[in-house]
Protein backbone atom coordinates (compact mmCIF):
# COMPACT_ATOMS: atom_id res chain seq x y z
CA UNK A 1 -37.68 -18.42 29.64
CA UNK A 2 -38.35 -14.90 30.90
CA UNK A 3 -35.28 -15.10 33.12
CA UNK A 4 -33.15 -16.20 30.14
CA UNK A 5 -34.37 -13.29 28.09
CA UNK A 6 -33.77 -10.81 30.91
CA UNK A 7 -30.21 -12.08 31.35
CA UNK A 8 -29.59 -11.76 27.62
CA UNK A 9 -31.01 -8.25 27.65
CA UNK A 10 -28.78 -7.35 30.58
CA UNK A 11 -25.70 -8.64 28.76
CA UNK A 12 -26.56 -6.63 25.67
CA UNK A 13 -26.77 -3.50 27.78
CA UNK A 14 -23.30 -4.02 29.30
CA UNK A 15 -20.76 -1.71 27.61
CA UNK A 16 -18.33 -3.49 25.29
CA UNK A 17 -15.38 -2.12 27.25
CA UNK A 18 -16.73 -3.69 30.44
CA UNK A 19 -17.06 -7.10 28.79
CA UNK A 20 -13.55 -6.68 27.39
CA UNK A 21 -12.21 -5.87 30.86
CA UNK A 22 -13.87 -8.96 32.30
CA UNK A 23 -11.73 -11.13 30.01
CA UNK A 24 -8.46 -9.63 31.28
CA UNK A 25 -8.16 -11.64 34.49
CA UNK A 26 -5.48 -13.89 32.95
CA UNK A 27 -3.24 -11.00 31.89
CA UNK A 28 -0.10 -10.54 33.95
CA UNK A 29 0.58 -6.80 33.82
CA UNK A 30 4.33 -6.17 33.89
CA UNK A 31 4.48 -2.42 33.19
CA UNK A 32 1.87 0.08 34.24
CA UNK A 33 1.69 3.86 34.13
CA UNK A 34 -1.10 6.06 35.48
CA UNK A 35 -1.15 9.47 33.82
CA UNK A 36 -2.10 11.30 37.03
CA UNK A 37 1.62 11.68 37.83
CA UNK A 38 4.77 12.18 35.77
CA UNK A 39 6.46 8.93 34.66
CA UNK A 40 8.43 7.46 37.57
CA UNK A 41 11.79 5.77 38.01
CA UNK A 42 11.05 2.80 35.73
CA UNK A 43 10.56 5.17 32.79
CA UNK A 44 13.54 6.64 30.91
CA UNK A 45 13.20 9.86 28.94
CA UNK A 46 13.99 9.48 25.21
CA UNK A 47 15.07 12.75 23.62
CA UNK A 48 13.50 15.83 25.21
CA UNK A 49 9.88 15.13 26.16
CA UNK A 50 7.96 18.19 27.32
CA UNK A 51 5.77 16.67 30.03
CA UNK A 52 3.38 18.12 32.59
CA UNK A 53 0.23 17.10 34.41
CA UNK A 54 -2.89 18.96 33.25
CA UNK A 55 -6.30 18.21 34.79
CA UNK A 56 -5.10 14.88 36.18
CA UNK A 57 -3.66 13.70 32.83
CA UNK A 58 -0.15 13.60 31.39
CA UNK A 59 0.22 16.23 28.66
CA UNK A 60 3.22 15.08 26.61
CA UNK A 61 4.50 17.32 23.83
CA UNK A 62 7.35 16.85 21.37
CA UNK A 63 8.06 20.29 19.93
CA UNK A 64 11.50 19.48 18.50
CA UNK A 65 12.21 18.56 14.87
CA UNK A 66 15.65 17.22 15.75
CA UNK A 67 14.98 15.01 18.79
CA UNK A 68 12.38 12.57 20.01
CA UNK A 69 10.14 13.24 22.98
CA UNK A 70 9.08 9.98 24.64
CA UNK A 71 9.35 7.71 27.70
CA UNK A 72 10.58 4.10 27.68
CA UNK A 73 10.29 1.24 30.19
CA UNK A 74 12.03 -2.15 30.00
CA UNK A 75 10.27 -5.48 30.54
CA UNK A 76 11.20 -9.17 30.46
CA UNK A 77 9.61 -11.38 27.80
CA UNK A 78 8.12 -14.71 28.85
CA UNK A 79 7.98 -17.83 26.65
CA UNK A 80 4.72 -19.10 25.13
CA UNK A 81 2.85 -15.88 25.78
CA UNK A 82 1.30 -13.15 23.72
CA UNK A 83 1.89 -9.49 24.49
CA UNK A 84 -0.89 -7.06 25.37
CA UNK A 85 -0.17 -3.33 25.25
CA UNK A 86 -2.90 -0.86 26.17
CA UNK A 87 -2.99 2.93 26.25
CA UNK A 88 -5.76 5.44 26.86
CA UNK A 89 -4.88 8.60 24.95
CA UNK A 90 -6.24 11.59 23.06
CA UNK A 91 -4.17 13.09 20.24
CA UNK A 92 -3.75 16.84 20.40
CA UNK A 93 -1.67 17.46 17.29
CA UNK A 94 0.80 15.85 14.94
CA UNK A 95 2.96 17.69 12.47
CA UNK A 96 5.67 16.83 9.98
CA UNK A 97 9.03 18.43 10.63
CA UNK A 98 10.57 17.09 7.42
CA UNK A 99 9.55 14.85 4.54
CA UNK A 100 7.87 11.59 5.37
CA UNK A 101 4.67 9.64 5.45
CA UNK A 102 2.86 10.19 8.74
CA UNK A 103 3.31 12.96 11.31
CA UNK A 104 2.30 11.36 14.58
CA UNK A 105 2.60 10.47 18.20
CA UNK A 106 3.17 6.80 18.82
CA UNK A 107 3.28 3.74 21.02
CA UNK A 108 6.22 1.40 20.35
CA UNK A 109 6.85 -2.11 21.70
CA UNK A 110 9.80 -4.47 21.35
CA UNK A 111 10.25 -8.05 22.55
CA UNK A 112 13.99 -7.91 21.87
CA UNK A 113 13.59 -9.74 18.54
CA UNK A 114 11.02 -7.63 16.72
CA UNK A 115 9.44 -4.23 17.26
CA UNK A 116 6.36 -2.46 16.00
CA UNK A 117 3.71 -0.15 17.32
CA UNK A 118 0.81 2.22 16.92
CA UNK A 119 0.97 5.59 15.17
CA UNK A 120 -1.64 8.11 16.27
CA UNK A 121 -2.66 11.00 14.04
CA UNK A 122 -5.68 13.25 14.54
CA UNK A 123 -7.50 11.66 11.59
CA UNK A 124 -6.11 8.09 11.45
CA UNK A 125 -4.25 5.32 13.21
CA UNK A 126 -1.62 3.03 11.71
CA UNK A 127 1.19 0.69 12.52
CA UNK A 128 4.76 1.68 11.65
CA UNK A 129 4.63 0.12 8.19
CA UNK A 130 1.67 -0.63 5.94
CA UNK A 131 -1.57 -0.95 7.97
CA UNK A 132 -3.85 2.04 8.47
CA UNK A 133 -7.43 2.93 9.46
CA UNK A 134 -9.21 6.27 9.40
CA UNK A 135 -10.82 7.51 12.61
CA UNK A 136 -10.98 10.65 14.74
CA UNK A 137 -8.33 10.25 17.41
CA UNK A 138 -8.38 13.87 18.59
CA UNK A 139 -11.84 14.66 19.97
CA UNK A 140 -12.11 12.04 22.70
CA UNK A 141 -9.98 9.66 24.73
CA UNK A 142 -9.86 6.16 23.27
CA UNK A 143 -8.43 2.95 24.65
CA UNK A 144 -6.04 1.37 22.16
CA UNK A 145 -5.01 -2.25 22.60
CA UNK A 146 -2.21 -4.01 20.72
CA UNK A 147 -2.17 -7.81 20.90
CA UNK A 148 1.02 -9.44 19.60
CA UNK A 149 1.03 -13.15 18.79
CA UNK A 150 4.19 -14.36 17.05
CA UNK A 151 4.46 -12.20 13.93
CA UNK A 152 0.90 -10.87 14.14
CA UNK A 153 -0.17 -7.62 15.81
CA UNK A 154 -3.81 -6.57 15.98
CA UNK A 155 -4.97 -3.10 16.98
CA UNK A 156 -8.34 -2.57 18.71
CA UNK A 157 -9.97 0.72 19.66
CA UNK A 158 -12.41 0.71 22.58
CA UNK A 159 -12.74 -3.06 22.24
CA UNK A 160 -13.35 -3.08 18.47
CA UNK A 161 -10.65 -4.46 16.17
CA UNK A 162 -9.60 -1.84 13.62
CA UNK A 163 -6.49 -3.53 12.21
CA UNK A 164 -6.20 -7.31 12.09
CA UNK A 165 -2.44 -7.08 11.58
CA UNK A 166 -1.60 -10.53 10.23
CA UNK A 167 2.18 -10.59 9.72
CA UNK A 168 2.56 -7.01 11.00
CA UNK A 169 5.05 -7.73 13.83
CA UNK A 170 8.01 -8.51 11.61
CA UNK A 171 10.53 -5.65 11.79
CA UNK A 172 13.82 -6.63 13.48
CA UNK A 173 14.39 -4.98 16.86
CA UNK A 174 16.91 -2.16 17.07
CA UNK A 175 18.72 -4.12 19.81
CA UNK A 176 18.09 -7.02 22.18
CA UNK A 177 16.22 -4.87 24.71
CA UNK A 178 12.52 -5.52 25.32
CA UNK A 179 10.68 -2.25 26.01
CA UNK A 180 7.48 -0.28 25.69
CA UNK A 181 7.67 3.39 24.71
CA UNK A 182 5.14 6.18 24.28
CA UNK A 183 5.34 9.77 23.06
CA UNK A 184 6.81 11.02 19.80
CA UNK A 185 9.54 8.64 18.73
CA UNK A 186 10.77 10.04 15.40
CA UNK A 187 13.06 13.09 15.58
CA UNK A 188 11.65 14.74 12.44
CA UNK A 189 8.06 14.74 13.70
CA UNK A 190 6.42 16.82 16.36
CA UNK A 191 3.22 16.06 18.18
CA UNK A 192 1.31 16.27 21.38
CA UNK A 193 -1.17 14.05 23.21
CA UNK A 194 -2.89 13.55 26.55
CA UNK A 195 -2.06 10.15 28.09
CA UNK A 196 -4.27 8.72 30.85
CA UNK A 197 -2.57 5.33 31.07
CA UNK A 198 -0.08 2.97 29.43
CA UNK A 199 0.48 -0.67 30.36
CA UNK A 200 2.02 -3.85 29.04
CA UNK A 201 1.23 -7.42 30.03
CA UNK A 202 1.40 -11.01 28.86
CA UNK A 203 -1.09 -13.85 28.74
CA UNK A 204 -0.89 -17.47 27.65
CA UNK A 205 -0.73 -17.86 23.89
CA UNK A 206 -3.11 -20.15 22.06
CA UNK A 207 -1.91 -22.60 19.43
CA UNK A 208 -1.48 -20.73 16.11
CA UNK A 209 -3.50 -21.82 13.10
CA UNK A 210 -1.66 -23.90 10.52
CA UNK A 211 -0.31 -21.84 7.65
CA UNK A 212 -2.00 -22.53 4.31
CA UNK A 213 0.86 -21.31 2.12
CA UNK A 214 4.64 -21.52 2.02
CA UNK A 215 6.23 -18.31 0.71
CA UNK A 216 9.88 -18.34 -0.40
CA UNK A 217 11.59 -15.13 -1.53
CA UNK A 218 14.77 -15.26 -3.62
CA UNK A 219 17.70 -12.88 -3.51
CA UNK A 220 17.09 -9.78 -5.65
CA UNK A 221 18.99 -8.64 -8.71
CA UNK A 222 19.24 -5.20 -10.25
CA UNK A 223 17.61 -4.12 -13.50
CA UNK A 224 20.13 -1.66 -14.98
CA UNK A 225 18.88 1.61 -16.50
CA UNK A 226 19.01 1.91 -20.30
CA UNK A 227 21.98 3.61 -21.97
CA UNK A 228 21.68 7.37 -21.98
CA UNK A 229 19.50 7.59 -18.89
CA UNK A 230 21.98 10.00 -17.25
CA UNK A 231 21.85 12.58 -20.04
CA UNK A 232 19.83 15.77 -19.42
CA UNK A 233 16.63 15.90 -21.47
CA UNK A 234 13.16 17.43 -21.52
CA UNK A 235 11.03 16.03 -18.72
CA UNK A 236 7.44 16.69 -19.75
CA UNK A 237 5.45 19.21 -17.72
CA UNK A 238 7.03 21.33 -14.99
CA UNK A 239 8.54 19.25 -12.23
CA UNK A 240 6.54 19.26 -9.04
CA UNK A 241 8.94 20.23 -6.27
CA UNK A 242 6.64 18.83 -3.58
CA UNK A 243 3.75 16.41 -3.72
CA UNK A 244 1.65 17.20 -0.68
CA UNK A 245 -0.43 14.07 -1.11
CA UNK A 246 2.34 11.48 -0.94
CA UNK A 247 5.07 13.40 0.86
CA UNK A 248 7.79 13.09 -1.77
CA UNK A 249 9.91 16.20 -2.13
CA UNK A 250 12.43 16.99 -4.87
CA UNK A 251 15.04 19.66 -4.27
CA UNK A 252 15.01 22.61 -6.66
CA UNK A 253 18.57 21.92 -7.78
CA UNK A 254 17.50 18.42 -8.90
CA UNK A 255 15.05 19.71 -11.50
CA UNK A 256 17.35 19.14 -14.46
CA UNK A 257 19.19 16.13 -13.08
CA UNK A 258 18.52 12.79 -14.76
CA UNK A 259 16.43 10.33 -12.79
CA UNK A 260 16.94 6.56 -13.10
CA UNK A 261 13.87 4.50 -14.06
CA UNK A 262 11.14 4.00 -11.46
CA UNK A 263 7.52 2.84 -11.21
CA UNK A 264 7.47 -0.52 -13.03
CA UNK A 265 4.44 -1.97 -14.85
CA UNK A 266 4.89 -5.62 -15.82
CA UNK A 267 3.10 -7.62 -18.56
CA UNK A 268 3.32 -11.28 -19.56
CA UNK A 269 2.39 -11.28 -23.25
CA UNK A 270 2.96 -15.02 -23.67
CA UNK A 271 5.36 -17.05 -25.81
CA UNK A 272 8.11 -16.42 -23.26
CA UNK A 273 8.06 -12.63 -23.64
CA UNK A 274 7.73 -10.18 -20.73
CA UNK A 275 7.25 -6.44 -21.31
CA UNK A 276 8.12 -3.86 -18.66
CA UNK A 277 7.02 -0.23 -18.81
CA UNK A 278 8.98 2.12 -16.54
CA UNK A 279 8.83 5.82 -15.79
CA UNK A 280 11.97 7.58 -17.01
CA UNK A 281 11.39 11.01 -15.55
CA UNK A 282 10.15 12.80 -12.45
CA UNK A 283 6.74 12.25 -10.94
CA UNK A 284 4.97 14.55 -13.40
CA UNK A 285 2.18 14.46 -15.95
CA UNK A 286 3.46 13.62 -19.45
CA UNK A 287 6.76 12.43 -18.05
CA UNK A 288 8.62 10.08 -20.42
CA UNK A 289 8.34 6.30 -20.19
CA UNK A 290 10.36 3.47 -21.68
CA UNK A 291 9.78 -0.19 -22.52
CA UNK A 292 12.05 -3.12 -21.66
CA UNK A 293 11.76 -6.75 -22.80
CA UNK A 294 12.81 -10.05 -21.22
CA UNK A 295 12.84 -13.54 -22.70
CA UNK A 296 14.37 -15.33 -19.69
CA UNK A 297 11.63 -14.91 -17.05
CA UNK A 298 12.89 -11.51 -15.96
CA UNK A 299 16.52 -12.38 -15.27
CA UNK A 300 17.79 -9.93 -17.88
CA UNK A 301 16.17 -7.01 -19.66
CA UNK A 302 16.84 -5.26 -22.96
CA UNK A 303 15.56 -1.79 -23.86
CA UNK A 304 13.17 -1.90 -26.81
CA UNK A 305 14.72 0.19 -29.58
CA UNK A 306 13.09 3.58 -30.25
CA UNK A 307 10.92 3.29 -27.15
CA UNK A 308 13.08 4.98 -24.53
CA UNK A 309 12.38 8.38 -22.96
CA UNK A 310 9.13 8.77 -24.92
CA UNK A 311 6.17 10.70 -23.53
CA UNK A 312 3.77 8.51 -25.50
CA UNK A 313 5.50 5.17 -24.97
CA UNK A 314 3.09 2.25 -24.48
CA UNK A 315 2.22 1.10 -20.98
CA UNK A 316 -0.30 -1.77 -20.98
CA UNK A 317 0.63 -4.60 -23.37
CA UNK A 318 -1.37 -7.66 -24.47
CA UNK A 319 -0.97 -10.38 -27.08
CA UNK A 320 -3.77 -10.36 -29.62
CA UNK A 321 -5.42 -13.42 -31.15
CA UNK A 322 -3.38 -13.02 -34.37
CA UNK A 323 -0.13 -13.32 -32.38
CA UNK A 324 0.88 -9.66 -32.51
CA UNK A 325 1.27 -7.57 -29.35
CA UNK A 326 -0.84 -4.47 -28.71
CA UNK A 327 0.50 -1.62 -26.59
CA UNK A 328 -1.36 1.55 -25.56
CA UNK A 329 0.30 4.81 -24.51
CA UNK A 330 -0.16 5.85 -20.90
CA UNK A 331 -0.57 9.51 -21.85
CA UNK A 332 -2.87 11.18 -24.36
CA UNK A 333 -3.97 14.71 -25.24
CA UNK A 334 -7.32 16.44 -25.36
CA UNK A 335 -8.98 16.75 -28.77
CA UNK A 336 -12.31 18.12 -27.58
CA UNK A 337 -14.50 17.77 -24.50
CA UNK A 338 -14.66 14.07 -23.61
CA UNK A 339 -12.42 12.98 -26.51
CA UNK A 340 -8.67 12.35 -26.29
CA UNK A 341 -6.03 11.18 -28.72
CA UNK A 342 -3.25 8.77 -27.75
CA UNK A 343 -0.94 6.29 -29.44
CA UNK A 344 -1.33 2.56 -29.98
CA UNK A 345 1.50 0.21 -30.96
CA UNK A 346 1.44 -3.03 -32.91
CA UNK A 347 4.46 -5.25 -32.15
CA UNK A 348 5.42 -8.41 -33.99
CA UNK A 349 5.25 -11.72 -32.13
CA UNK A 350 8.74 -11.35 -30.62
CA UNK A 351 8.34 -7.64 -29.78
CA UNK A 352 11.26 -6.80 -32.04
CA UNK A 353 9.51 -4.39 -34.44
CA UNK A 354 6.46 -2.19 -34.13
CA UNK A 355 4.23 0.24 -35.96
CA UNK A 356 2.37 3.18 -34.42
CA UNK A 357 -1.08 4.62 -34.99
CA UNK A 358 -3.27 7.17 -33.24
CA UNK A 359 -6.15 6.04 -31.08
CA UNK A 360 -9.33 7.87 -30.15
CA UNK A 361 -10.50 7.76 -26.52
CA UNK A 362 -14.06 8.68 -25.52
CA UNK A 363 -14.89 9.25 -21.84
CA UNK A 364 -17.61 11.14 -19.92
CA UNK A 365 -17.31 14.84 -20.73
CA UNK A 366 -16.45 16.00 -17.22
CA UNK A 367 -13.45 13.65 -17.12
CA UNK A 368 -9.88 14.24 -18.07
CA UNK A 369 -8.31 17.10 -16.18
CA UNK A 370 -4.91 15.71 -17.23
CA UNK A 371 -6.08 13.31 -19.92
CA UNK A 372 -6.88 9.64 -19.37
CA UNK A 373 -4.05 7.56 -17.89
CA UNK A 374 -4.01 3.98 -19.18
CA UNK A 375 -2.82 2.03 -16.17
CA UNK A 376 -1.93 -1.53 -15.24
CA UNK A 377 -4.45 -3.97 -16.60
CA UNK A 378 -5.67 -4.93 -20.05
CA UNK A 379 -7.77 -7.99 -20.96
CA UNK A 380 -8.70 -9.94 -24.07
CA UNK A 381 -12.43 -10.62 -23.61
CA UNK A 382 -12.37 -13.37 -26.21
CA UNK A 383 -15.08 -11.86 -28.41
CA UNK A 384 -12.99 -9.50 -30.48
CA UNK A 385 -13.05 -6.91 -27.68
CA UNK A 386 -10.22 -5.65 -25.51
CA UNK A 387 -10.83 -4.14 -22.07
CA UNK A 388 -8.42 -1.66 -20.44
CA UNK A 389 -8.28 -0.01 -17.05
CA UNK A 390 -7.74 3.77 -16.82
CA UNK A 391 -8.07 6.61 -14.35
CA UNK A 392 -8.58 10.34 -14.70
CA UNK A 393 -9.35 13.43 -12.69
CA UNK A 394 -12.95 14.60 -12.50
CA UNK A 395 -11.78 17.74 -10.69
CA UNK A 396 -8.78 18.73 -8.62
CA UNK A 397 -8.24 16.08 -5.95
CA UNK A 398 -11.09 13.89 -7.28
CA UNK A 399 -9.92 10.95 -9.40
CA UNK A 400 -12.01 8.08 -10.72
CA UNK A 401 -11.12 4.77 -12.33
CA UNK A 402 -12.90 3.49 -15.46
CA UNK A 403 -13.11 0.44 -17.65
CA UNK A 404 -12.68 1.12 -21.38
CA UNK A 405 -13.39 -1.16 -24.35
CA UNK A 406 -12.02 -1.41 -27.86
CA UNK A 407 -13.61 -3.49 -30.60
CA UNK A 408 -11.07 -2.56 -33.31
CA UNK A 409 -7.72 -3.68 -31.88
CA UNK A 410 -6.94 -0.46 -30.06
CA UNK A 411 -7.93 2.14 -32.67
CA UNK A 412 -10.82 3.50 -30.60
CA UNK A 413 -11.57 3.19 -26.90
CA UNK A 414 -15.01 3.89 -25.44
CA UNK A 415 -16.14 4.28 -21.86
CA UNK A 416 -17.68 1.12 -20.40
CA UNK A 417 -18.11 1.69 -16.65
CA UNK A 418 -16.89 3.52 -13.56
CA UNK A 419 -15.05 1.28 -11.11
CA UNK A 420 -14.98 3.84 -8.29
CA UNK A 421 -13.27 6.86 -6.79
CA UNK A 422 -9.49 6.70 -6.66
CA UNK A 423 -6.56 6.25 -9.07
CA UNK A 424 -4.10 3.43 -9.81
CA UNK A 425 -6.63 0.60 -10.07
CA UNK A 426 -5.65 -3.05 -10.30
CA UNK A 427 -8.39 -5.31 -11.65
CA UNK A 428 -8.58 -9.11 -11.66
CA UNK A 429 -11.06 -11.22 -13.65
CA UNK A 430 -12.11 -14.48 -12.00
CA UNK A 431 -14.64 -15.29 -14.74
CA UNK A 432 -16.63 -13.60 -17.48
CA UNK A 433 -18.86 -12.10 -14.78
CA UNK A 434 -16.84 -11.95 -11.53
CA UNK A 435 -14.27 -9.18 -11.18
CA UNK A 436 -12.56 -7.40 -8.29
CA UNK A 437 -10.58 -4.16 -8.14
CA UNK A 438 -8.28 -2.50 -5.63
CA UNK A 439 -7.69 1.26 -5.89
CA UNK A 440 -5.31 3.72 -4.29
CA UNK A 441 -6.56 6.47 -1.96
CA UNK A 442 -5.51 10.03 -2.71
CA UNK A 443 -3.63 10.45 0.57
CA UNK A 444 -1.75 7.97 2.74
CA UNK A 445 -4.54 5.66 3.77
CA UNK A 446 -5.94 2.19 3.21
CA UNK A 447 -6.36 0.76 -0.27
CA UNK A 448 -10.00 0.38 -1.31
CA UNK A 449 -11.64 -2.74 -2.75
CA UNK A 450 -14.73 -3.24 -4.89
CA UNK A 451 -16.49 -6.09 -6.72
CA UNK A 452 -18.41 -6.56 -9.95
CA UNK A 453 -20.74 -9.50 -10.62
CA UNK A 454 -21.77 -8.62 -14.17
CA UNK A 455 -18.53 -8.47 -16.10
CA UNK A 456 -17.61 -4.95 -14.98
CA UNK A 457 -20.86 -3.18 -15.96
CA UNK A 458 -21.59 -2.18 -12.36
CA UNK A 459 -19.43 -2.08 -9.25
CA UNK A 460 -20.17 -2.26 -5.53
CA UNK A 461 -19.34 0.63 -3.26
CA UNK A 462 -15.63 0.56 -2.40
CA UNK A 463 -14.66 -0.60 1.09
CA UNK A 464 -11.30 -0.01 2.82
CA UNK A 465 -8.68 -2.65 3.36
CA UNK A 466 -6.20 -2.18 6.19
CA UNK A 467 -3.19 -2.23 3.86
CA UNK A 468 -1.87 0.92 2.18
CA UNK A 469 -1.16 2.84 0.17
CA UNK A 470 -0.09 2.98 -3.53
CA UNK A 471 0.01 1.09 -6.82
CA UNK A 472 -1.59 -2.31 -6.10
CA UNK A 473 -0.93 -5.02 -8.69
CA UNK A 474 -2.86 -8.32 -8.63
CA UNK A 475 -2.17 -11.66 -10.30
CA UNK A 476 -4.39 -14.74 -10.13
CA UNK A 477 -1.89 -17.60 -10.07
CA UNK A 478 -2.31 -20.97 -11.75
CA UNK A 479 -2.56 -22.67 -8.33
CA UNK A 480 -5.63 -20.58 -7.45
CA UNK A 481 -3.82 -18.18 -5.11
CA UNK A 482 -4.45 -14.48 -5.66
CA UNK A 483 -1.33 -12.34 -5.13
CA UNK A 484 -1.32 -8.59 -4.61
CA UNK A 485 1.75 -6.36 -4.43
CA UNK A 486 1.55 -2.82 -3.08
CA UNK A 487 3.82 -0.14 -1.67
CA UNK A 488 4.57 2.91 0.39
CA UNK A 489 5.78 2.54 3.01
CA UNK A 490 8.01 -0.27 1.79
CA UNK A 491 7.42 -2.73 -1.03
CA UNK A 492 5.01 -5.44 0.04
CA UNK A 493 3.08 -8.53 -0.97
CA UNK A 494 -0.04 -10.26 0.33
CA UNK A 495 -2.04 -13.30 -0.70
CA UNK A 496 -5.63 -14.49 -0.73
CA UNK A 497 -6.88 -18.08 -0.86
CA UNK A 498 -10.53 -17.04 -1.23
CA UNK A 499 -10.40 -14.70 -4.25
CA UNK A 500 -9.73 -11.54 -2.29
CA UNK A 501 -12.30 -11.82 0.50
CA UNK A 502 -9.51 -12.16 3.06
CA UNK A 503 -5.77 -11.43 2.83
CA UNK A 504 -2.92 -13.22 4.60
CA UNK A 505 0.75 -14.19 4.40
CA UNK A 506 1.83 -10.57 4.31
CA UNK A 507 5.44 -10.32 3.17
CA UNK A 508 7.64 -7.24 3.28
CA UNK A 509 10.05 -7.41 0.35
CA UNK A 510 11.90 -4.30 1.52
CA UNK A 511 11.23 -1.42 3.88
CA UNK A 512 13.60 0.83 1.92
CA UNK A 513 12.03 4.10 0.84
CA UNK A 514 11.44 5.33 -2.69
CA UNK A 515 8.43 5.57 -4.95
CA UNK A 516 7.75 1.99 -3.77
CA UNK A 517 5.83 1.03 -6.89
CA UNK A 518 5.69 -2.71 -7.47
CA UNK A 519 4.67 -5.15 -10.18
CA UNK A 520 4.08 -8.92 -10.25
CA UNK A 521 3.37 -11.65 -12.79
CA UNK A 522 3.49 -15.45 -12.64
CA UNK A 523 6.39 -16.59 -14.83
CA UNK A 524 6.09 -20.33 -14.14
CA UNK A 525 3.61 -22.41 -12.11
CA UNK A 526 3.76 -21.18 -8.52
CA UNK A 527 6.52 -18.63 -9.18
CA UNK A 528 6.00 -14.86 -9.22
CA UNK A 529 8.38 -12.34 -10.69
CA UNK A 530 8.32 -9.32 -8.35
CA UNK A 531 9.76 -5.98 -9.50
CA UNK A 532 10.05 -2.84 -7.36
CA UNK A 533 11.94 0.47 -7.40
CA UNK A 534 13.27 1.00 -3.87
CA UNK A 535 15.95 2.24 -3.93
CA UNK A 536 16.34 1.29 -7.64
CA UNK A 537 14.73 -1.11 -10.10
CA UNK A 538 15.15 -4.63 -8.75
CA UNK A 539 13.63 -8.02 -9.44
CA UNK A 540 13.26 -11.24 -7.46
CA UNK A 541 11.27 -14.46 -7.47
CA UNK A 542 8.57 -15.39 -4.97
CA UNK A 543 7.60 -19.09 -4.85
CA UNK A 544 4.07 -19.76 -3.55
CA UNK A 545 3.15 -23.31 -2.51
CA UNK A 546 0.13 -24.81 -0.78
CA UNK A 547 1.01 -26.51 2.53
CA UNK A 548 -0.35 -30.05 2.56
């Protein structure tokens, strides 16, 4: 017994990296680089890498904003294996040379069919698309390991998995060449790092787990902008020429140019009617919005008369118990400290006519630097009360999301609870007591998730997901599957079969750039309508089936 305990104690004292190394005996290393010398004959320079040996380590710098600065080595894929890529590196700097999401140095791998990799920034790591984790990559050397199995690519740091990467190895390869590459791959970015080693190997692949869901994506169709969208008009507050948080830049000469609709918010109000709220201006506070309507499951859309290019157009919509439809304006104005005035709308059952009335919004006094933005979700609580989800700025750079309640059909809204820090919340109700929310971070980073077990009165501390980074939208489908769309980079979709505790079946709808706001609703059993805005408003169907 004593010997058993002493052996267990000894194992616990062994460093994790050493245990990890002991499991590598079955890896066949095909490419290996030791940073004590400059890359040899098997490595090809990509762009103009500035490389030198400093203190026994490769110091690789890309100081050009027009060319890459990296090294690439070819390798030969082997069937029925998984790929292991490992690098020991410390990030020195990473800077943006143009507009974009992540200044970085990177590690890129291709098997000739697909390619993906690791982006290294001083304060975070990410893959090339939608997975990200915060950490300090600049103070010390870390060993990063990518393990690629089919379409999955996990990322571990010093033996600890940081990004699970289900479905992350999906992007088509640029050509049929299999390679591994390290340095700074994107011409517009500059960066520097110290590389101690880079290697690629293969090991026998285990049998993949059986997929629980079958996801089928239809061909997309365009949602045309409403008549008159291309006419110059007032655009709300001054246009922001650069948003330092999200990296979108607008040229000065584009200030007065019309902008086609973006940033969709989708609502199923029942009786075969869908309502779509879209931004019809630049990314600015008090920008105008418009409302579209569909009666054929999103195939065609008609602008709602007198609700185009309106600063106080309604955003969230819900059918009330009397059959009418309630809409609440996204924007509102300050009346006095902690009290704001917005607009509510009462539509008839077919959303053909409406009346307007002012609403009164009461929030904590320190809230509301730009008013209170009514966002995606609105719920009928079944007791004469309506619950809405909003966010607002507490101070510059500090946004919080709230739940609001109305007991008089949208005439007054009162603060109910604080969901957590962060804007653009999506909230799903599993029952009268169980709720879950996903919020956006303020900079490119992982979405954050939180739970409530008392009907939204209190919320757990938010925890990061690995997916990022804007405008999540969740729908609990009739088959029990929870769907979540999100964007930037790309327009994406993921699913949960356990009410949001784990996420799988990641699907990239498009990797085209834009605002990359998305919206989803179930329009028939097992069928989602998915709407996104990259590069323009488009819709498609996603069929979700359980695999028997």
